[in-house]
Amino acid sequence: MEYVVIDNSKAIYTELNWSILIVSAIGLFVYMIGSFWIGAIYILCVVILLKGYSQVYKITKVFDNKTQTYLFGKLIWESKLEVLFPDYISIFHASFLSIDRESGTHSRHKRWVVRFFADNKYDTVGINNDYNYISEKAIELGKLLEVEVFDGSKE
């Protein structure tokens, strides 16, 4: 194995994608009633593009890491990913807070996280709803980079 790919976009944006779809469907309905077909087509195109977008981290054995952006499975952008070479890798459950400033409401989203730790610093390389996916990726990274993986779910 020469590299491990971690797709963070599907899990992080799951709620966002549904929100976009609902808002866009309402917008589409309003535009259609108002006969603004150009606006309706525009919103539909935006939704389709957002659904086809994904961003992944590619961690390599030689640590020439990349952030890759895909649109409908085609690589459209690649840039260097600056992360610390880990002393160890950690898996744990984290809570993320989303705040709607207009209404004052907030919601918590629990995610599984993979982090590289070196000295007193860390870099997050994976976030997902699915423990099995994150655990599998962390184990693959541990084998690839020959470092120990600590699983916080076992404590």
C-alpha atoms as a PDB file:
ATOM      1  CA  MET A   1       0.000   0.000   0.000  1.00  0.00           C
ATOM      2  CA  GLU A   2       1.480   3.324  -1.120  1.00  0.00           C
ATOM      3  CA  TYR A   3      -1.234   5.705   0.122  1.00  0.00           C
ATOM      4  CA  VAL A   4      -4.516   6.045   2.039  1.00  0.00           C
ATOM      5  CA  VAL A   5      -7.398   8.236   0.871  1.00  0.00           C
ATOM      6  CA  ILE A   6      -9.768   9.732   3.449  1.00  0.00           C
ATOM      7  CA  ASP A   7     -13.016  11.229   2.161  1.00  0.00           C
ATOM      8  CA  ASN A   8     -14.249  13.764   4.712  1.00  0.00           C
ATOM      9  CA  SER A   9     -16.769  15.561   2.527  1.00  0.00           C
ATOM     10  CA  LYS A  10     -19.637  13.061   2.584  1.00  0.00           C
ATOM     11  CA  ALA A  11     -19.994  12.959   6.358  1.00  0.00           C
ATOM     12  CA  ILE A  12     -19.345  16.589   7.122  1.00  0.00           C
ATOM     13  CA  TYR A  13     -21.765  17.931   4.578  1.00  0.00           C
ATOM     14  CA  THR A  14     -24.588  15.395   4.960  1.00  0.00           C
ATOM     15  CA  GLU A  15     -26.813  17.810   6.859  1.00  0.00           C
ATOM     16  CA  LEU A  16     -25.645  20.691   4.683  1.00  0.00           C
ATOM     17  CA  ASN A  17     -26.524  18.804   1.477  1.00  0.00           C
ATOM     18  CA  TRP A  18     -30.053  18.101   2.696  1.00  0.00           C
ATOM     19  CA  SER A  19     -30.457  21.736   3.724  1.00  0.00           C
ATOM     20  CA  ILE A  20     -29.250  22.878   0.324  1.00  0.00           C
ATOM     21  CA  LEU A  21     -31.638  20.512  -1.403  1.00  0.00           C
ATOM     22  CA  ILE A  22     -34.628  21.661   0.644  1.00  0.00           C
ATOM     23  CA  VAL A  23     -33.838  25.364   0.248  1.00  0.00           C
ATOM     24  CA  SER A  24     -33.166  24.898  -3.447  1.00  0.00           C
ATOM     25  CA  ALA A  25     -36.395  22.953  -3.961  1.00  0.00           C
ATOM     26  CA  ILE A  26     -38.359  25.751  -2.283  1.00  0.00           C
ATOM     27  CA  GLY A  27     -36.480  28.336  -4.352  1.00  0.00           C
ATOM     28  CA  LEU A  28     -37.125  26.332  -7.488  1.00  0.00           C
ATOM     29  CA  PHE A  29     -40.837  26.158  -6.696  1.00  0.00           C
ATOM     30  CA  VAL A  30     -41.014  29.913  -6.063  1.00  0.00           C
ATOM     31  CA  TYR A  31     -39.119  30.711  -9.256  1.00  0.00           C
ATOM     32  CA  MET A  32     -41.316  28.367 -11.284  1.00  0.00           C
ATOM     33  CA  ILE A  33     -44.471  29.998  -9.992  1.00  0.00           C
ATOM     34  CA  GLY A  34     -43.023  33.413 -10.829  1.00  0.00           C
ATOM     35  CA  SER A  35     -41.953  32.175 -14.310  1.00  0.00           C
ATOM     36  CA  PHE A  36     -38.326  33.012 -13.673  1.00  0.00           C
ATOM     37  CA  TRP A  37     -36.992  29.958 -15.490  1.00  0.00           C
ATOM     38  CA  ILE A  38     -33.435  31.257 -15.644  1.00  0.00           C
ATOM     39  CA  GLY A  39     -33.317  31.508 -11.850  1.00  0.00           C
ATOM     40  CA  ALA A  40     -34.829  28.039 -11.501  1.00  0.00           C
ATOM     41  CA  ILE A  41     -32.283  26.522 -13.859  1.00  0.00           C
ATOM     42  CA  TYR A  42     -29.480  28.356 -12.022  1.00  0.00           C
ATOM     43  CA  ILE A  43     -30.560  26.962  -8.639  1.00  0.00           C
ATOM     44  CA  LEU A  44     -30.874  23.465 -10.072  1.00  0.00           C
ATOM     45  CA  CYS A  45     -27.343  23.687 -11.515  1.00  0.00           C
ATOM     46  CA  VAL A  46     -25.949  24.869  -8.170  1.00  0.00           C
ATOM     47  CA  VAL A  47     -27.584  21.947  -6.351  1.00  0.00           C
ATOM     48  CA  ILE A  48     -26.276  19.439  -8.882  1.00  0.00           C
ATOM     49  CA  LEU A  49     -22.742  20.843  -8.596  1.00  0.00           C
ATOM     50  CA  LEU A  50     -22.827  20.778  -4.784  1.00  0.00           C
ATOM     51  CA  LYS A  51     -24.017  17.165  -4.755  1.00  0.00           C
ATOM     52  CA  GLY A  52     -21.182  16.130  -7.094  1.00  0.00           C
ATOM     53  CA  TYR A  53     -18.426  17.871  -5.107  1.00  0.00           C
ATOM     54  CA  SER A  54     -16.077  16.008  -2.789  1.00  0.00           C
ATOM     55  CA  GLN A  55     -12.742  16.676  -1.154  1.00  0.00           C
ATOM     56  CA  VAL A  56     -10.330  13.984   0.014  1.00  0.00           C
ATOM     57  CA  TYR A  57      -6.984  13.777   1.770  1.00  0.00           C
ATOM     58  CA  LYS A  58      -4.400  11.513   0.168  1.00  0.00           C
ATOM     59  CA  ILE A  59      -1.737  10.494   2.710  1.00  0.00           C
ATOM     60  CA  THR A  60       1.281   8.796   1.129  1.00  0.00           C
ATOM     61  CA  LYS A  61       3.981   6.536   2.502  1.00  0.00           C
ATOM     62  CA  VAL A  62       6.690   9.082   1.581  1.00  0.00           C
ATOM     63  CA  PHE A  63       4.525  11.783   3.209  1.00  0.00           C
ATOM     64  CA  ASP A  64       3.978  13.797   0.017  1.00  0.00           C
ATOM     65  CA  ASN A  65       0.363  14.421   1.022  1.00  0.00           C
ATOM     66  CA  LYS A  66      -2.332  16.055  -1.114  1.00  0.00           C
ATOM     67  CA  THR A  67      -5.777  17.591  -0.775  1.00  0.00           C
ATOM     68  CA  GLN A  68      -7.762  16.566  -3.840  1.00  0.00           C
ATOM     69  CA  THR A  69     -11.012  18.100  -5.023  1.00  0.00           C
ATOM     70  CA  TYR A  70     -13.325  16.066  -7.249  1.00  0.00           C
ATOM     71  CA  LEU A  71     -16.412  16.994  -9.225  1.00  0.00           C
ATOM     72  CA  PHE A  72     -18.519  13.980 -10.228  1.00  0.00           C
ATOM     73  CA  GLY A  73     -15.543  11.683  -9.688  1.00  0.00           C
ATOM     74  CA  LYS A  74     -13.103  13.706 -11.836  1.00  0.00           C
ATOM     75  CA  LEU A  75     -10.076  15.319 -10.207  1.00  0.00           C
ATOM     76  CA  ILE A  76     -10.340  19.091 -10.738  1.00  0.00           C
ATOM     77  CA  TRP A  77      -7.841  20.438  -8.187  1.00  0.00           C
ATOM     78  CA  GLU A  78      -4.933  19.156  -6.153  1.00  0.00           C
ATOM     79  CA  SER A  79      -2.816  20.965  -3.587  1.00  0.00           C
ATOM     80  CA  LYS A  80      -0.212  20.072  -0.986  1.00  0.00           C
ATOM     81  CA  LEU A  81      -1.569  18.977   2.380  1.00  0.00           C
ATOM     82  CA  GLU A  82       0.578  20.210   5.250  1.00  0.00           C
ATOM     83  CA  VAL A  83       0.230  17.834   8.199  1.00  0.00           C
ATOM     84  CA  LEU A  84       2.628  16.755  10.929  1.00  0.00           C
ATOM     85  CA  PHE A  85       4.250  13.351  10.654  1.00  0.00           C
ATOM     86  CA  PRO A  86       2.640  11.610  13.622  1.00  0.00           C
ATOM     87  CA  ASP A  87       4.231  10.082  16.666  1.00  0.00           C
ATOM     88  CA  TYR A  88       0.878   8.320  17.026  1.00  0.00           C
ATOM     89  CA  ILE A  89      -2.647   8.402  15.580  1.00  0.00           C
ATOM     90  CA  SER A  90      -5.782   8.832  17.692  1.00  0.00           C
ATOM     91  CA  ILE A  91      -9.448   7.988  17.035  1.00  0.00           C
ATOM     92  CA  PHE A  92     -12.063   9.629  19.235  1.00  0.00           C
ATOM     93  CA  HIS A  93     -15.631  10.858  19.328  1.00  0.00           C
ATOM     94  CA  ALA A  94     -16.060  14.636  19.136  1.00  0.00           C
ATOM     95  CA  SER A  95     -19.034  16.962  19.348  1.00  0.00           C
ATOM     96  CA  PHE A  96     -19.374  19.853  16.889  1.00  0.00           C
ATOM     97  CA  LEU A  97     -21.673  22.802  17.513  1.00  0.00           C
ATOM     98  CA  SER A  98     -23.590  24.623  14.747  1.00  0.00           C
ATOM     99  CA  ILE A  99     -25.132  27.982  15.629  1.00  0.00           C
ATOM    100  CA  ASP A 100     -27.804  29.752  13.610  1.00  0.00           C
ATOM    101  CA  ARG A 101     -27.109  33.400  14.388  1.00  0.00           C
ATOM    102  CA  GLU A 102     -30.446  34.638  13.091  1.00  0.00           C
ATOM    103  CA  SER A 103     -32.660  32.388  15.197  1.00  0.00           C
ATOM    104  CA  GLY A 104     -30.203  31.841  18.051  1.00  0.00           C
ATOM    105  CA  THR A 105     -30.661  28.073  17.871  1.00  0.00           C
ATOM    106  CA  HIS A 106     -27.829  25.608  17.943  1.00  0.00           C
ATOM    107  CA  SER A 107     -27.387  21.930  17.254  1.00  0.00           C
ATOM    108  CA  ARG A 108     -24.712  19.418  18.151  1.00  0.00           C
ATOM    109  CA  HIS A 109     -23.328  16.881  15.727  1.00  0.00           C
ATOM    110  CA  LYS A 110     -21.227  13.988  16.972  1.00  0.00           C
ATOM    111  CA  ARG A 111     -18.492  12.754  14.670  1.00  0.00           C
ATOM    112  CA  TRP A 112     -15.623  10.304  14.779  1.00  0.00           C
ATOM    113  CA  VAL A 113     -12.260  12.032  14.330  1.00  0.00           C
ATOM    114  CA  VAL A 114      -8.770  10.843  13.343  1.00  0.00           C
ATOM    115  CA  ARG A 115      -5.864  13.025  14.392  1.00  0.00           C
ATOM    116  CA  PHE A 116      -2.098  12.868  13.933  1.00  0.00           C
ATOM    117  CA  PHE A 117      -0.264  13.784  17.149  1.00  0.00           C
ATOM    118  CA  ALA A 118       3.362  14.940  17.270  1.00  0.00           C
ATOM    119  CA  ASP A 119       4.830  16.444  20.421  1.00  0.00           C
ATOM    120  CA  ASN A 120       2.121  18.800  21.756  1.00  0.00           C
ATOM    121  CA  LYS A 121       0.562  19.473  18.360  1.00  0.00           C
ATOM    122  CA  TYR A 122      -2.042  17.716  16.254  1.00  0.00           C
ATOM    123  CA  ASP A 123      -3.633  17.759  12.799  1.00  0.00           C
ATOM    124  CA  THR A 124      -7.097  16.431  12.027  1.00  0.00           C
ATOM    125  CA  VAL A 125      -7.051  14.181   8.963  1.00  0.00           C
ATOM    126  CA  GLY A 126     -10.448  12.503   9.146  1.00  0.00           C
ATOM    127  CA  ILE A 127     -13.987  13.307  10.277  1.00  0.00           C
ATOM    128  CA  ASN A 128     -16.937  11.009   9.679  1.00  0.00           C
ATOM    129  CA  ASN A 129     -20.233   9.792  11.145  1.00  0.00           C
ATOM    130  CA  ASP A 130     -19.264   6.158  10.594  1.00  0.00           C
ATOM    131  CA  TYR A 131     -16.976   4.669  13.252  1.00  0.00           C
ATOM    132  CA  ASN A 132     -16.157   1.648  11.074  1.00  0.00           C
ATOM    133  CA  TYR A 133     -14.972   3.867   8.207  1.00  0.00           C
ATOM    134  CA  ILE A 134     -12.826   6.052  10.475  1.00  0.00           C
ATOM    135  CA  SER A 135     -11.409   3.075  12.351  1.00  0.00           C
ATOM    136  CA  GLU A 136     -10.506   1.317   9.099  1.00  0.00           C
ATOM    137  CA  LYS A 137      -8.781   4.443   7.749  1.00  0.00           C
ATOM    138  CA  ALA A 138      -6.861   5.030  11.003  1.00  0.00           C
ATOM    139  CA  ILE A 139      -5.615   1.423  11.007  1.00  0.00           C
ATOM    140  CA  GLU A 140      -4.572   1.743   7.349  1.00  0.00           C
ATOM    141  CA  LEU A 141      -2.725   4.994   8.176  1.00  0.00           C
ATOM    142  CA  GLY A 142      -1.021   3.360  11.161  1.00  0.00           C
ATOM    143  CA  LYS A 143       0.238   0.501   8.982  1.00  0.00           C
ATOM    144  CA  LEU A 144       1.240   2.854   6.155  1.00  0.00           C
ATOM    145  CA  LEU A 145       3.206   5.231   8.394  1.00  0.00           C
ATOM    146  CA  GLU A 146       4.288   2.539  10.878  1.00  0.00           C
ATOM    147  CA  VAL A 147       2.929   4.349  13.931  1.00  0.00           C
ATOM    148  CA  GLU A 148       0.651   3.238  16.744  1.00  0.00           C
ATOM    149  CA  VAL A 149      -3.110   3.891  16.632  1.00  0.00           C
ATOM    150  CA  PHE A 150      -4.972   4.688  19.865  1.00  0.00           C
ATOM    151  CA  ASP A 151      -8.721   4.133  19.746  1.00  0.00           C
ATOM    152  CA  GLY A 152     -10.586   6.351  22.228  1.00  0.00           C
ATOM    153  CA  SER A 153     -13.811   4.385  21.732  1.00  0.00           C
ATOM    154  CA  LYS A 154     -12.279   1.436  23.587  1.00  0.00           C
ATOM    155  CA  GLU A 155     -11.803   3.414  26.816  1.00  0.00           C
END
